[in-house]
Amino acid sequence: MNKFLKVVSFLLVLSSSVYLPSANAASSTEMLITIAETNPALLERLNTLALDNAELLNQLLKMAESDAAQLERLLNIAETDLEVFSQLVTINDTKEAQENGGASTMGIISDDDGIIRP
């Protein structure tokens, strides 16, 4: 029965990885398999999170970048101090936006001598 529960938990966590971007999905699945083989307690924590807050789980998996140790550290932060974790998410999202050519906050606004005056 215990083995059955572990398999069901593992399948739930794997099914949650479907929401990841396709580029990271394969490596995230590999990471989850490694976690299932080496750290069942972490797998149970991730399964509980998948059932309670799938959005948070997806953010953790995205930020962990397929590193099981980093995933566990991020999960610990999310469980102990959600405000700090939210700050990390904001910083990570900003970093990704800049790397992907997002909007720049630097520069001069010009309206060709229209309404905006120096």
PDB file of N, CA and C in Angstrom:
ATOM      1  N   MET A   1       0.819  -1.193   0.000  1.00  0.00           N
ATOM      2  CA  MET A   1       0.000   0.000   0.000  1.00  0.00           C
ATOM      3  C   MET A   1       0.863   1.258   0.000  1.00  0.00           C
ATOM      4  N   ASN A   2       1.933   1.259   0.801  1.00  0.00           N
ATOM      5  CA  ASN A   2       2.823   2.408   0.863  1.00  0.00           C
ATOM      6  C   ASN A   2       3.468   2.660  -0.494  1.00  0.00           C
ATOM      7  N   LYS A   3       3.868   1.603  -1.171  1.00  0.00           N
ATOM      8  CA  LYS A   3       4.483   1.731  -2.491  1.00  0.00           C
ATOM      9  C   LYS A   3       3.467   2.289  -3.491  1.00  0.00           C
ATOM     10  N   PHE A   4       2.226   1.851  -3.368  1.00  0.00           N
ATOM     11  CA  PHE A   4       1.172   2.345  -4.245  1.00  0.00           C
ATOM     12  C   PHE A   4       0.986   3.861  -4.072  1.00  0.00           C
ATOM     13  N   LEU A   5       0.977   4.335  -2.821  1.00  0.00           N
ATOM     14  CA  LEU A   5       0.834   5.765  -2.557  1.00  0.00           C
ATOM     15  C   LEU A   5       1.998   6.565  -3.124  1.00  0.00           C
ATOM     16  N   LYS A   6       3.198   6.021  -3.021  1.00  0.00           N
ATOM     17  CA  LYS A   6       4.357   6.703  -3.588  1.00  0.00           C
ATOM     18  C   LYS A   6       4.245   6.805  -5.099  1.00  0.00           C
ATOM     19  N   VAL A   7       3.778   5.755  -5.741  1.00  0.00           N
ATOM     20  CA  VAL A   7       3.619   5.768  -7.197  1.00  0.00           C
ATOM     21  C   VAL A   7       2.553   6.785  -7.601  1.00  0.00           C
ATOM     22  N   VAL A   8       1.440   6.811  -6.876  1.00  0.00           N
ATOM     23  CA  VAL A   8       0.377   7.774  -7.175  1.00  0.00           C
ATOM     24  C   VAL A   8       0.893   9.202  -6.973  1.00  0.00           C
ATOM     25  N   SER A   9       1.621   9.428  -5.895  1.00  0.00           N
ATOM     26  CA  SER A   9       2.183  10.752  -5.645  1.00  0.00           C
ATOM     27  C   SER A   9       3.138  11.159  -6.755  1.00  0.00           C
ATOM     28  N   PHE A  10       3.969  10.235  -7.151  1.00  0.00           N
ATOM     29  CA  PHE A  10       4.921  10.492  -8.224  1.00  0.00           C
ATOM     30  C   PHE A  10       4.193  10.860  -9.514  1.00  0.00           C
ATOM     31  N   LEU A  11       3.133  10.139  -9.834  1.00  0.00           N
ATOM     32  CA  LEU A  11       2.375  10.424 -11.049  1.00  0.00           C
ATOM     33  C   LEU A  11       1.707  11.792 -10.989  1.00  0.00           C
ATOM     34  N   LEU A  12       1.220  12.184  -9.833  1.00  0.00           N
ATOM     35  CA  LEU A  12       0.624  13.513  -9.689  1.00  0.00           C
ATOM     36  C   LEU A  12       1.650  14.617  -9.905  1.00  0.00           C
ATOM     37  N   VAL A  13       2.822  14.442  -9.346  1.00  0.00           N
ATOM     38  CA  VAL A  13       3.866  15.443  -9.530  1.00  0.00           C
ATOM     39  C   VAL A  13       4.294  15.494 -10.984  1.00  0.00           C
ATOM     40  N   LEU A  14       4.422  14.337 -11.607  1.00  0.00           N
ATOM     41  CA  LEU A  14       4.794  14.325 -13.028  1.00  0.00           C
ATOM     42  C   LEU A  14       3.726  14.987 -13.879  1.00  0.00           C
ATOM     43  N   SER A  15       2.485  14.742 -13.558  1.00  0.00           N
ATOM     44  CA  SER A  15       1.413  15.352 -14.350  1.00  0.00           C
ATOM     45  C   SER A  15       1.414  16.862 -14.206  1.00  0.00           C
ATOM     46  N   SER A  16       1.853  17.382 -13.080  1.00  0.00           N
ATOM     47  CA  SER A  16       1.916  18.831 -12.913  1.00  0.00           C
ATOM     48  C   SER A  16       3.015  19.449 -13.763  1.00  0.00           C
ATOM     49  N   SER A  17       4.005  18.659 -14.147  1.00  0.00           N
ATOM     50  CA  SER A  17       5.080  19.199 -14.980  1.00  0.00           C
ATOM     51  C   SER A  17       4.623  19.465 -16.401  1.00  0.00           C
ATOM     52  N   VAL A  18       3.413  19.052 -16.756  1.00  0.00           N
ATOM     53  CA  VAL A  18       2.869  19.319 -18.083  1.00  0.00           C
ATOM     54  C   VAL A  18       2.722  20.808 -18.318  1.00  0.00           C
ATOM     55  N   TYR A  19       2.518  21.576 -17.269  1.00  0.00           N
ATOM     56  CA  TYR A  19       2.311  23.010 -17.394  1.00  0.00           C
ATOM     57  C   TYR A  19       3.604  23.781 -17.622  1.00  0.00           C
ATOM     58  N   LEU A  20       4.726  23.139 -17.541  1.00  0.00           N
ATOM     59  CA  LEU A  20       5.995  23.812 -17.750  1.00  0.00           C
ATOM     60  C   LEU A  20       6.227  24.079 -19.227  1.00  0.00           C
ATOM     61  N   PRO A  21       7.048  25.065 -19.546  1.00  0.00           N
ATOM     62  CA  PRO A  21       7.400  25.252 -20.948  1.00  0.00           C
ATOM     63  C   PRO A  21       8.052  23.994 -21.492  1.00  0.00           C
ATOM     64  N   SER A  22       7.811  23.703 -22.753  1.00  0.00           N
ATOM     65  CA  SER A  22       8.271  22.440 -23.328  1.00  0.00           C
ATOM     66  C   SER A  22       9.784  22.283 -23.273  1.00  0.00           C
ATOM     67  N   ALA A  23      10.527  23.368 -23.315  1.00  0.00           N
ATOM     68  CA  ALA A  23      11.987  23.270 -23.265  1.00  0.00           C
ATOM     69  C   ALA A  23      12.465  22.714 -21.932  1.00  0.00           C
ATOM     70  N   ASN A  24      11.778  23.046 -20.850  1.00  0.00           N
ATOM     71  CA  ASN A  24      12.201  22.601 -19.531  1.00  0.00           C
ATOM     72  C   ASN A  24      11.459  21.366 -19.056  1.00  0.00           C
ATOM     73  N   ALA A  25      10.427  20.952 -19.781  1.00  0.00           N
ATOM     74  CA  ALA A  25       9.594  19.849 -19.311  1.00  0.00           C
ATOM     75  C   ALA A  25      10.373  18.544 -19.205  1.00  0.00           C
ATOM     76  N   ALA A  26      11.175  18.230 -20.197  1.00  0.00           N
ATOM     77  CA  ALA A  26      11.921  16.972 -20.175  1.00  0.00           C
ATOM     78  C   ALA A  26      12.929  16.955 -19.034  1.00  0.00           C
ATOM     79  N   SER A  27      13.655  18.054 -18.851  1.00  0.00           N
ATOM     80  CA  SER A  27      14.648  18.084 -17.783  1.00  0.00           C
ATOM     81  C   SER A  27      13.971  18.119 -16.413  1.00  0.00           C
ATOM     82  N   SER A  28      12.811  18.767 -16.303  1.00  0.00           N
ATOM     83  CA  SER A  28      12.087  18.776 -15.037  1.00  0.00           C
ATOM     84  C   SER A  28      11.567  17.386 -14.704  1.00  0.00           C
ATOM     85  N   THR A  29      11.099  16.665 -15.715  1.00  0.00           N
ATOM     86  CA  THR A  29      10.636  15.299 -15.490  1.00  0.00           C
ATOM     87  C   THR A  29      11.791  14.429 -15.021  1.00  0.00           C
ATOM     88  N   GLU A  30      12.934  14.592 -15.614  1.00  0.00           N
ATOM     89  CA  GLU A  30      14.125  13.839 -15.195  1.00  0.00           C
ATOM     90  C   GLU A  30      14.473  14.167 -13.745  1.00  0.00           C
ATOM     91  N   MET A  31      14.384  15.444 -13.388  1.00  0.00           N
ATOM     92  CA  MET A  31      14.666  15.860 -12.024  1.00  0.00           C
ATOM     93  C   MET A  31      13.663  15.218 -11.057  1.00  0.00           C
ATOM     94  N   LEU A  32      12.388  15.201 -11.431  1.00  0.00           N
ATOM     95  CA  LEU A  32      11.370  14.604 -10.559  1.00  0.00           C
ATOM     96  C   LEU A  32      11.578  13.101 -10.389  1.00  0.00           C
ATOM     97  N   ILE A  33      12.014  12.437 -11.435  1.00  0.00           N
ATOM     98  CA  ILE A  33      12.315  11.007 -11.335  1.00  0.00           C
ATOM     99  C   ILE A  33      13.479  10.784 -10.372  1.00  0.00           C
ATOM    100  N   THR A  34      14.491  11.626 -10.471  1.00  0.00           N
ATOM    101  CA  THR A  34      15.633  11.527  -9.561  1.00  0.00           C
ATOM    102  C   THR A  34      15.189  11.757  -8.117  1.00  0.00           C
ATOM    103  N   ILE A  35      14.329  12.743  -7.917  1.00  0.00           N
ATOM    104  CA  ILE A  35      13.817  13.011  -6.573  1.00  0.00           C
ATOM    105  C   ILE A  35      13.036  11.809  -6.055  1.00  0.00           C
ATOM    106  N   ALA A  36      12.214  11.210  -6.906  1.00  0.00           N
ATOM    107  CA  ALA A  36      11.434  10.036  -6.492  1.00  0.00           C
ATOM    108  C   ALA A  36      12.345   8.895  -6.066  1.00  0.00           C
ATOM    109  N   GLU A  37      13.471   8.753  -6.741  1.00  0.00           N
ATOM    110  CA  GLU A  37      14.402   7.655  -6.434  1.00  0.00           C
ATOM    111  C   GLU A  37      15.254   7.940  -5.204  1.00  0.00           C
ATOM    112  N   THR A  38      15.545   9.208  -4.937  1.00  0.00           N
ATOM    113  CA  THR A  38      16.508   9.521  -3.884  1.00  0.00           C
ATOM    114  C   THR A  38      15.932  10.219  -2.665  1.00  0.00           C
ATOM    115  N   ASN A  39      14.790  10.911  -2.825  1.00  0.00           N
ATOM    116  CA  ASN A  39      14.268  11.702  -1.722  1.00  0.00           C
ATOM    117  C   ASN A  39      12.739  11.641  -1.688  1.00  0.00           C
ATOM    118  N   PRO A  40      12.170  10.521  -1.234  1.00  0.00           N
ATOM    119  CA  PRO A  40      10.716  10.377  -1.219  1.00  0.00           C
ATOM    120  C   PRO A  40      10.006  11.415  -0.352  1.00  0.00           C
ATOM    121  N   ALA A  41      10.651  11.897   0.709  1.00  0.00           N
ATOM    122  CA  ALA A  41      10.024  12.907   1.562  1.00  0.00           C
ATOM    123  C   ALA A  41       9.803  14.206   0.781  1.00  0.00           C
ATOM    124  N   LEU A  42      10.779  14.590  -0.016  1.00  0.00           N
ATOM    125  CA  LEU A  42      10.627  15.783  -0.848  1.00  0.00           C
ATOM    126  C   LEU A  42       9.528  15.573  -1.881  1.00  0.00           C
ATOM    127  N   LEU A  43       9.464  14.382  -2.429  1.00  0.00           N
ATOM    128  CA  LEU A  43       8.418  14.067  -3.406  1.00  0.00           C
ATOM    129  C   LEU A  43       7.031  14.214  -2.775  1.00  0.00           C
ATOM    130  N   GLU A  44       6.879  13.778  -1.540  1.00  0.00           N
ATOM    131  CA  GLU A  44       5.588  13.913  -0.858  1.00  0.00           C
ATOM    132  C   GLU A  44       5.248  15.384  -0.620  1.00  0.00           C
ATOM    133  N   ARG A  45       6.251  16.185  -0.265  1.00  0.00           N
ATOM    134  CA  ARG A  45       6.023  17.620  -0.082  1.00  0.00           C
ATOM    135  C   ARG A  45       5.587  18.270  -1.394  1.00  0.00           C
ATOM    136  N   LEU A  46       6.238  17.888  -2.494  1.00  0.00           N
ATOM    137  CA  LEU A  46       5.885  18.428  -3.799  1.00  0.00           C
ATOM    138  C   LEU A  46       4.488  17.980  -4.223  1.00  0.00           C
ATOM    139  N   ASN A  47       4.140  16.747  -3.898  1.00  0.00           N
ATOM    140  CA  ASN A  47       2.807  16.233  -4.215  1.00  0.00           C
ATOM    141  C   ASN A  47       1.741  17.019  -3.462  1.00  0.00           C
ATOM    142  N   THR A  48       1.967  17.280  -2.194  1.00  0.00           N
ATOM    143  CA  THR A  48       1.026  18.071  -1.406  1.00  0.00           C
ATOM    144  C   THR A  48       0.872  19.464  -2.007  1.00  0.00           C
ATOM    145  N   LEU A  49       1.978  20.043  -2.405  1.00  0.00           N
ATOM    146  CA  LEU A  49       1.937  21.356  -3.033  1.00  0.00           C
ATOM    147  C   LEU A  49       1.192  21.310  -4.363  1.00  0.00           C
ATOM    148  N   ALA A  50       1.378  20.236  -5.131  1.00  0.00           N
ATOM    149  CA  ALA A  50       0.676  20.088  -6.414  1.00  0.00           C
ATOM    150  C   ALA A  50      -0.829  20.052  -6.209  1.00  0.00           C
ATOM    151  N   LEU A  51      -1.261  19.432  -5.137  1.00  0.00           N
ATOM    152  CA  LEU A  51      -2.697  19.346  -4.852  1.00  0.00           C
ATOM    153  C   LEU A  51      -3.258  20.659  -4.314  1.00  0.00           C
ATOM    154  N   ASP A  52      -2.441  21.396  -3.559  1.00  0.00           N
ATOM    155  CA  ASP A  52      -2.915  22.618  -2.901  1.00  0.00           C
ATOM    156  C   ASP A  52      -2.699  23.881  -3.726  1.00  0.00           C
ATOM    157  N   ASN A  53      -1.548  23.964  -4.425  1.00  0.00           N
ATOM    158  CA  ASN A  53      -1.194  25.204  -5.109  1.00  0.00           C
ATOM    159  C   ASN A  53      -0.324  24.885  -6.329  1.00  0.00           C
ATOM    160  N   ALA A  54      -0.950  24.484  -7.407  1.00  0.00           N
ATOM    161  CA  ALA A  54      -0.223  24.084  -8.615  1.00  0.00           C
ATOM    162  C   ALA A  54       0.581  25.239  -9.208  1.00  0.00           C
ATOM    163  N   GLU A  55       0.071  26.460  -9.084  1.00  0.00           N
ATOM    164  CA  GLU A  55       0.791  27.619  -9.617  1.00  0.00           C
ATOM    165  C   GLU A  55       2.125  27.818  -8.909  1.00  0.00           C
ATOM    166  N   LEU A  56       2.115  27.672  -7.585  1.00  0.00           N
ATOM    167  CA  LEU A  56       3.346  27.791  -6.811  1.00  0.00           C
ATOM    168  C   LEU A  56       4.318  26.679  -7.184  1.00  0.00           C
ATOM    169  N   LEU A  57       3.815  25.472  -7.355  1.00  0.00           N
ATOM    170  CA  LEU A  57       4.673  24.358  -7.751  1.00  0.00           C
ATOM    171  C   LEU A  57       5.324  24.631  -9.104  1.00  0.00           C
ATOM    172  N   ASN A  58       4.551  25.133 -10.046  1.00  0.00           N
ATOM    173  CA  ASN A  58       5.119  25.433 -11.365  1.00  0.00           C
ATOM    174  C   ASN A  58       6.192  26.509 -11.279  1.00  0.00           C
ATOM    175  N   GLN A  59       5.971  27.513 -10.428  1.00  0.00           N
ATOM    176  CA  GLN A  59       6.981  28.559 -10.249  1.00  0.00           C
ATOM    177  C   GLN A  59       8.247  27.980  -9.634  1.00  0.00           C
ATOM    178  N   LEU A  60       8.088  27.094  -8.646  1.00  0.00           N
ATOM    179  CA  LEU A  60       9.258  26.448  -8.036  1.00  0.00           C
ATOM    180  C   LEU A  60      10.039  25.636  -9.060  1.00  0.00           C
ATOM    181  N   LEU A  61       9.334  24.842  -9.853  1.00  0.00           N
ATOM    182  CA  LEU A  61      10.004  24.008 -10.854  1.00  0.00           C
ATOM    183  C   LEU A  61      10.718  24.860 -11.894  1.00  0.00           C
ATOM    184  N   LYS A  62      10.094  25.962 -12.275  1.00  0.00           N
ATOM    185  CA  LYS A  62      10.701  26.859 -13.259  1.00  0.00           C
ATOM    186  C   LYS A  62      11.971  27.496 -12.703  1.00  0.00           C
ATOM    187  N   MET A  63      11.898  27.965 -11.463  1.00  0.00           N
ATOM    188  CA  MET A  63      13.049  28.635 -10.858  1.00  0.00           C
ATOM    189  C   MET A  63      14.175  27.667 -10.512  1.00  0.00           C
ATOM    190  N   ALA A  64      13.846  26.416 -10.236  1.00  0.00           N
ATOM    191  CA  ALA A  64      14.866  25.441  -9.845  1.00  0.00           C
ATOM    192  C   ALA A  64      15.770  25.055 -11.003  1.00  0.00           C
ATOM    193  N   GLU A  65      15.312  25.275 -12.229  1.00  0.00           N
ATOM    194  CA  GLU A  65      16.107  24.980 -13.424  1.00  0.00           C
ATOM    195  C   GLU A  65      16.662  23.557 -13.394  1.00  0.00           C
ATOM    196  N   SER A  66      15.799  22.602 -13.056  1.00  0.00           N
ATOM    197  CA  SER A  66      16.118  21.173 -13.072  1.00  0.00           C
ATOM    198  C   SER A  66      17.217  20.771 -12.099  1.00  0.00           C
ATOM    199  N   ASP A  67      17.339  21.496 -11.014  1.00  0.00           N
ATOM    200  CA  ASP A  67      18.314  21.180  -9.975  1.00  0.00           C
ATOM    201  C   ASP A  67      17.537  20.798  -8.713  1.00  0.00           C
ATOM    202  N   ALA A  68      17.598  19.521  -8.342  1.00  0.00           N
ATOM    203  CA  ALA A  68      16.815  19.013  -7.215  1.00  0.00           C
ATOM    204  C   ALA A  68      17.175  19.710  -5.905  1.00  0.00           C
ATOM    205  N   ALA A  69      18.451  19.980  -5.688  1.00  0.00           N
ATOM    206  CA  ALA A  69      18.866  20.652  -4.455  1.00  0.00           C
ATOM    207  C   ALA A  69      18.312  22.072  -4.408  1.00  0.00           C
ATOM    208  N   GLN A  70      18.356  22.748  -5.538  1.00  0.00           N
ATOM    209  CA  GLN A  70      17.827  24.108  -5.604  1.00  0.00           C
ATOM    210  C   GLN A  70      16.308  24.098  -5.411  1.00  0.00           C
ATOM    211  N   LEU A  71      15.643  23.094  -5.959  1.00  0.00           N
ATOM    212  CA  LEU A  71      14.198  22.964  -5.784  1.00  0.00           C
ATOM    213  C   LEU A  71      13.844  22.821  -4.308  1.00  0.00           C
ATOM    214  N   GLU A  72      14.587  21.994  -3.601  1.00  0.00           N
ATOM    215  CA  GLU A  72      14.308  21.801  -2.178  1.00  0.00           C
ATOM    216  C   GLU A  72      14.556  23.087  -1.392  1.00  0.00           C
ATOM    217  N   ARG A  73      15.619  23.806  -1.721  1.00  0.00           N
ATOM    218  CA  ARG A  73      15.900  25.077  -1.039  1.00  0.00           C
ATOM    219  C   ARG A  73      14.790  26.088  -1.284  1.00  0.00           C
ATOM    220  N   LEU A  74      14.336  26.180  -2.537  1.00  0.00           N
ATOM    221  CA  LEU A  74      13.252  27.106  -2.864  1.00  0.00           C
ATOM    222  C   LEU A  74      11.956  26.713  -2.154  1.00  0.00           C
ATOM    223  N   LEU A  75      11.679  25.419  -2.095  1.00  0.00           N
ATOM    224  CA  LEU A  75      10.490  24.936  -1.400  1.00  0.00           C
ATOM    225  C   LEU A  75      10.557  25.286   0.086  1.00  0.00           C
ATOM    226  N   ASN A  76      11.730  25.139   0.691  1.00  0.00           N
ATOM    227  CA  ASN A  76      11.900  25.501   2.097  1.00  0.00           C
ATOM    228  C   ASN A  76      11.597  26.983   2.317  1.00  0.00           C
ATOM    229  N   ILE A  77      12.079  27.824   1.417  1.00  0.00           N
ATOM    230  CA  ILE A  77      11.820  29.265   1.533  1.00  0.00           C
ATOM    231  C   ILE A  77      10.326  29.542   1.373  1.00  0.00           C
ATOM    232  N   ALA A  78       9.709  28.916   0.373  1.00  0.00           N
ATOM    233  CA  ALA A  78       8.282  29.140   0.122  1.00  0.00           C
ATOM    234  C   ALA A  78       7.438  28.702   1.316  1.00  0.00           C
ATOM    235  N   GLU A  79       7.845  27.638   1.978  1.00  0.00           N
ATOM    236  CA  GLU A  79       7.077  27.137   3.121  1.00  0.00           C
ATOM    237  C   GLU A  79       7.296  27.965   4.382  1.00  0.00           C
ATOM    238  N   THR A  80       8.475  28.546   4.540  1.00  0.00           N
ATOM    239  CA  THR A  80       8.774  29.268   5.775  1.00  0.00           C
ATOM    240  C   THR A  80       8.508  30.767   5.675  1.00  0.00           C
ATOM    241  N   ASP A  81       8.731  31.359   4.498  1.00  0.00           N
ATOM    242  CA  ASP A  81       8.550  32.809   4.356  1.00  0.00           C
ATOM    243  C   ASP A  81       8.074  33.120   2.948  1.00  0.00           C
ATOM    244  N   LEU A  82       6.769  33.134   2.780  1.00  0.00           N
ATOM    245  CA  LEU A  82       6.177  33.331   1.463  1.00  0.00           C
ATOM    246  C   LEU A  82       6.489  34.719   0.898  1.00  0.00           C
ATOM    247  N   GLU A  83       6.656  35.708   1.763  1.00  0.00           N
ATOM    248  CA  GLU A  83       6.976  37.059   1.290  1.00  0.00           C
ATOM    249  C   GLU A  83       8.363  37.098   0.640  1.00  0.00           C
ATOM    250  N   VAL A  84       9.335  36.458   1.256  1.00  0.00           N
ATOM    251  CA  VAL A  84      10.685  36.391   0.675  1.00  0.00           C
ATOM    252  C   VAL A  84      10.636  35.627  -0.641  1.00  0.00           C
ATOM    253  N   PHE A  85       9.875  34.536  -0.671  1.00  0.00           N
ATOM    254  CA  PHE A  85       9.762  33.776  -1.911  1.00  0.00           C
ATOM    255  C   PHE A  85       9.130  34.632  -3.008  1.00  0.00           C
ATOM    256  N   SER A  86       8.115  35.420  -2.670  1.00  0.00           N
ATOM    257  CA  SER A  86       7.487  36.301  -3.654  1.00  0.00           C
ATOM    258  C   SER A  86       8.490  37.304  -4.214  1.00  0.00           C
ATOM    259  N   GLN A  87       9.368  37.801  -3.356  1.00  0.00           N
ATOM    260  CA  GLN A  87      10.409  38.714  -3.815  1.00  0.00           C
ATOM    261  C   GLN A  87      11.362  38.013  -4.778  1.00  0.00           C
ATOM    262  N   LEU A  88      11.713  36.767  -4.474  1.00  0.00           N
ATOM    263  CA  LEU A  88      12.574  35.994  -5.377  1.00  0.00           C
ATOM    264  C   LEU A  88      11.899  35.785  -6.726  1.00  0.00           C
ATOM    265  N   VAL A  89      10.606  35.513  -6.725  1.00  0.00           N
ATOM    266  CA  VAL A  89       9.855  35.330  -7.969  1.00  0.00           C
ATOM    267  C   VAL A  89       9.890  36.606  -8.796  1.00  0.00           C
ATOM    268  N   THR A  90       9.661  37.746  -8.139  1.00  0.00           N
ATOM    269  CA  THR A  90       9.683  39.031  -8.840  1.00  0.00           C
ATOM    270  C   THR A  90      11.040  39.288  -9.463  1.00  0.00           C
ATOM    271  N   ILE A  91      12.086  39.053  -8.700  1.00  0.00           N
ATOM    272  CA  ILE A  91      13.452  39.255  -9.211  1.00  0.00           C
ATOM    273  C   ILE A  91      13.721  38.321 -10.375  1.00  0.00           C
ATOM    274  N   ASN A  92      13.338  37.058 -10.244  1.00  0.00           N
ATOM    275  CA  ASN A  92      13.563  36.078 -11.306  1.00  0.00           C
ATOM    276  C   ASN A  92      12.794  36.443 -12.570  1.00  0.00           C
ATOM    277  N   ASP A  93      11.536  36.868 -12.419  1.00  0.00           N
ATOM    278  CA  ASP A  93      10.733  37.252 -13.571  1.00  0.00           C
ATOM    279  C   ASP A  93      11.320  38.469 -14.279  1.00  0.00           C
ATOM    280  N   THR A  94      11.823  39.433 -13.514  1.00  0.00           N
ATOM    281  CA  THR A  94      12.450  40.618 -14.100  1.00  0.00           C
ATOM    282  C   THR A  94      13.701  40.235 -14.862  1.00  0.00           C
ATOM    283  N   LYS A  95      14.492  39.348 -14.273  1.00  0.00           N
ATOM    284  CA  LYS A  95      15.716  38.885 -14.932  1.00  0.00           C
ATOM    285  C   LYS A  95      15.379  38.204 -16.253  1.00  0.00           C
ATOM    286  N   GLU A  96      14.367  37.348 -16.248  1.00  0.00           N
ATOM    287  CA  GLU A  96      13.964  36.643 -17.469  1.00  0.00           C
ATOM    288  C   GLU A  96      13.443  37.608 -18.527  1.00  0.00           C
ATOM    289  N   ALA A  97      12.693  38.623 -18.105  1.00  0.00           N
ATOM    290  CA  ALA A  97      12.162  39.599 -19.054  1.00  0.00           C
ATOM    291  C   ALA A  97      13.300  40.363 -19.721  1.00  0.00           C
ATOM    292  N   GLN A  98      14.321  40.718 -18.969  1.00  0.00           N
ATOM    293  CA  GLN A  98      15.461  41.433 -19.541  1.00  0.00           C
ATOM    294  C   GLN A  98      16.255  40.534 -20.484  1.00  0.00           C
ATOM    295  N   GLU A  99      16.409  39.273 -20.106  1.00  0.00           N
ATOM    296  CA  GLU A  99      17.143  38.340 -20.964  1.00  0.00           C
ATOM    297  C   GLU A  99      16.399  38.065 -22.265  1.00  0.00           C
ATOM    298  N   ASN A 100      15.066  38.147 -22.223  1.00  0.00           N
ATOM    299  CA  ASN A 100      14.256  37.876 -23.405  1.00  0.00           C
ATOM    300  C   ASN A 100      13.895  39.137 -24.175  1.00  0.00           C
ATOM    301  N   GLY A 101      14.609  40.222 -23.917  1.00  0.00           N
ATOM    302  CA  GLY A 101      14.374  41.457 -24.661  1.00  0.00           C
ATOM    303  C   GLY A 101      13.139  42.196 -24.222  1.00  0.00           C
ATOM    304  N   GLY A 102      12.828  42.126 -22.951  1.00  0.00           N
ATOM    305  CA  GLY A 102      11.654  42.820 -22.423  1.00  0.00           C
ATOM    306  C   GLY A 102      11.845  44.315 -22.447  1.00  0.00           C
ATOM    307  N   ALA A 103      10.884  45.016 -21.959  1.00  0.00           N
ATOM    308  CA  ALA A 103      10.914  46.472 -21.953  1.00  0.00           C
ATOM    309  C   ALA A 103      12.060  46.986 -21.104  1.00  0.00           C
ATOM    310  N   SER A 104      12.664  48.041 -21.571  1.00  0.00           N
ATOM    311  CA  SER A 104      13.751  48.673 -20.849  1.00  0.00           C
ATOM    312  C   SER A 104      13.215  49.851 -20.059  1.00  0.00           C
ATOM    313  N   THR A 105      13.756  50.056 -18.879  1.00  0.00           N
ATOM    314  CA  THR A 105      13.347  51.200 -18.078  1.00  0.00           C
ATOM    315  C   THR A 105      14.334  52.340 -18.235  1.00  0.00           C
ATOM    316  N   MET A 106      15.337  52.171 -19.045  1.00  0.00           N
ATOM    317  CA  MET A 106      16.347  53.206 -19.253  1.00  0.00           C
ATOM    318  C   MET A 106      16.084  53.890 -20.586  1.00  0.00           C
ATOM    319  N   GLY A 107      16.347  55.187 -20.639  1.00  0.00           N
ATOM    320  CA  GLY A 107      16.214  55.889 -21.902  1.00  0.00           C
ATOM    321  C   GLY A 107      15.519  57.217 -21.726  1.00  0.00           C
ATOM    322  N   ILE A 108      15.390  57.930 -22.844  1.00  0.00           N
ATOM    323  CA  ILE A 108      14.794  59.254 -22.846  1.00  0.00           C
ATOM    324  C   ILE A 108      13.498  59.191 -23.623  1.00  0.00           C
ATOM    325  N   ILE A 109      12.465  59.802 -23.075  1.00  0.00           N
ATOM    326  CA  ILE A 109      11.183  59.873 -23.771  1.00  0.00           C
ATOM    327  C   ILE A 109      11.178  61.158 -24.587  1.00  0.00           C
ATOM    328  N   SER A 110      10.868  61.041 -25.842  1.00  0.00           N
ATOM    329  CA  SER A 110      10.812  62.209 -26.702  1.00  0.00           C
ATOM    330  C   SER A 110       9.475  62.228 -27.422  1.00  0.00           C
ATOM    331  N   ASP A 111       8.854  63.407 -27.449  1.00  0.00           N
ATOM    332  CA  ASP A 111       7.612  63.545 -28.206  1.00  0.00           C
ATOM    333  C   ASP A 111       7.740  64.645 -29.260  1.00  0.00           C
ATOM    334  N   ASP A 112       8.948  64.907 -29.675  1.00  0.00           N
ATOM    335  CA  ASP A 112       9.233  65.890 -30.720  1.00  0.00           C
ATOM    336  C   ASP A 112       8.634  67.252 -30.397  1.00  0.00           C
ATOM    337  N   ASP A 113       9.006  67.797 -29.248  1.00  0.00           N
ATOM    338  CA  ASP A 113       8.570  69.137 -28.817  1.00  0.00           C
ATOM    339  C   ASP A 113       7.056  69.268 -28.705  1.00  0.00           C
ATOM    340  N   GLY A 114       6.424  68.220 -28.302  1.00  0.00           N
ATOM    341  CA  GLY A 114       4.974  68.241 -28.122  1.00  0.00           C
ATOM    342  C   GLY A 114       4.622  68.621 -26.705  1.00  0.00           C
ATOM    343  N   ILE A 115       3.820  67.820 -26.064  1.00  0.00           N
ATOM    344  CA  ILE A 115       3.307  68.128 -24.733  1.00  0.00           C
ATOM    345  C   ILE A 115       4.389  68.009 -23.654  1.00  0.00           C
ATOM    346  N   ILE A 116       5.230  67.001 -23.748  1.00  0.00           N
ATOM    347  CA  ILE A 116       6.262  66.773 -22.723  1.00  0.00           C
ATOM    348  C   ILE A 116       7.376  67.794 -22.913  1.00  0.00           C
ATOM    349  N   ARG A 117       7.673  68.543 -21.865  1.00  0.00           N
ATOM    350  CA  ARG A 117       8.719  69.556 -21.924  1.00  0.00           C
ATOM    351  C   ARG A 117       9.752  69.256 -20.831  1.00  0.00           C
ATOM    352  N   PRO A 118      11.017  69.554 -21.111  1.00  0.00           N
ATOM    353  CA  PRO A 118      12.060  69.293 -20.112  1.00  0.00           C
ATOM    354  C   PRO A 118      11.981  70.239 -18.940  1.00  0.00           C
TER     355      PRO A 118
END
